[in-house]
Amino acid sequence: MSTTKRWVQVAVARPFAEALTYAVPQLLGVELQIGHVVSVPLGSAIETGYVVGFPAEPGFDVAKIKPVRGLVDPMHFEIVDPD
């Protein structure tokens, strides 16, 4: 049985203290995995980032969460914790 992930945390190449939370649209057509490369809106730009997590709940107003725009690379990369 597959559980649908509603939220995804994405690390982008910008100076943020933590990963950003995005909604996973049903129309994306893939089950996102940690390490997938995705495109996401950030301000008026579209950024490329890596999926780094799946929060159960975002912890803030879900009306402010923008959706992932698309999957850039169908391969996923293993993300290793340096500790």
Protein backbone atom coordinates (compact mmCIF):
# COMPACT_ATOMS: atom_id res chain seq x y z
CA MET A 1 0.00 0.00 0.00
CA SER A 2 1.45 3.37 -1.05
CA THR A 3 0.96 6.44 1.08
CA THR A 4 0.59 9.70 -0.81
CA LYS A 5 3.01 12.40 0.24
CA ARG A 6 1.30 15.80 0.43
CA TRP A 7 4.30 17.91 1.43
CA VAL A 8 7.94 17.84 0.44
CA GLN A 9 11.01 19.62 1.78
CA VAL A 10 13.34 20.95 -0.91
CA ALA A 11 16.89 22.28 -0.51
CA VAL A 12 17.76 25.00 -3.02
CA ALA A 13 21.07 26.76 -3.68
CA ARG A 14 20.09 29.85 -1.69
CA PRO A 15 21.13 30.89 1.83
CA PHE A 16 18.22 29.49 3.85
CA ALA A 17 18.65 28.00 7.32
CA GLU A 18 16.48 25.02 6.41
CA ALA A 19 14.77 23.31 3.50
CA LEU A 20 11.65 24.90 2.02
CA THR A 21 8.25 23.20 2.09
CA TYR A 22 6.22 22.67 -1.07
CA ALA A 23 3.00 20.87 -1.92
CA VAL A 24 3.16 17.73 -4.05
CA PRO A 25 0.57 18.08 -6.83
CA GLN A 26 -1.33 14.93 -7.82
CA LEU A 27 -0.76 15.80 -11.47
CA LEU A 28 3.00 15.45 -11.03
CA GLY A 29 2.52 11.81 -11.93
CA VAL A 30 5.44 10.40 -9.94
CA GLU A 31 6.07 9.34 -6.37
CA LEU A 32 8.81 11.72 -5.23
CA GLN A 33 11.75 10.25 -3.35
CA ILE A 34 14.55 11.78 -1.33
CA GLY A 35 17.24 12.85 -3.77
CA HIS A 36 14.93 13.66 -6.68
CA VAL A 37 15.78 16.90 -8.49
CA VAL A 38 12.72 19.15 -8.79
CA SER A 39 11.86 22.63 -10.01
CA VAL A 40 10.09 24.89 -7.53
CA PRO A 41 8.84 28.48 -7.49
CA LEU A 42 10.82 30.86 -5.28
CA GLY A 43 9.62 34.44 -5.39
CA SER A 44 9.29 35.35 -9.06
CA ALA A 45 11.92 32.77 -10.12
CA ILE A 46 11.93 29.05 -10.73
CA GLU A 47 14.71 27.24 -8.85
CA THR A 48 16.12 23.74 -9.01
CA GLY A 49 16.44 21.85 -5.75
CA TYR A 50 16.76 18.43 -4.13
CA VAL A 51 14.02 16.63 -2.23
CA VAL A 52 15.38 16.15 1.30
CA GLY A 53 12.33 15.17 3.34
CA PHE A 54 8.61 14.65 3.74
CA PRO A 55 7.07 16.47 6.71
CA ALA A 56 3.83 15.04 8.08
CA GLU A 57 2.48 18.57 8.47
CA PRO A 58 4.13 21.82 7.35
CA GLY A 59 3.74 23.65 10.67
CA PHE A 60 2.37 26.86 9.13
CA ASP A 61 -0.55 28.09 6.99
CA VAL A 62 -0.89 25.60 4.13
CA ALA A 63 -2.56 28.28 1.99
CA LYS A 64 0.89 29.87 1.62
CA ILE A 65 2.52 26.71 0.26
CA LYS A 66 3.24 26.63 -3.47
CA PRO A 67 3.34 23.38 -5.44
CA VAL A 68 6.38 21.68 -6.92
CA ARG A 69 6.53 22.67 -10.61
CA GLY A 70 8.05 19.48 -11.96
CA LEU A 71 10.54 16.68 -11.79
CA VAL A 72 13.83 17.71 -13.42
CA ASP A 73 15.54 14.33 -13.32
CA PRO A 74 13.72 11.00 -12.86
CA MET A 75 16.84 9.51 -11.24
CA HIS A 76 17.27 10.20 -7.54
CA PHE A 77 20.55 10.82 -5.78
CA GLU A 78 21.49 9.32 -2.45
CA ILE A 79 21.81 12.07 0.13
CA VAL A 80 24.28 11.19 2.84
CA ASP A 81 24.33 12.78 6.28
CA PRO A 82 27.96 13.81 6.93
CA ASP A 83 27.69 13.02 10.66
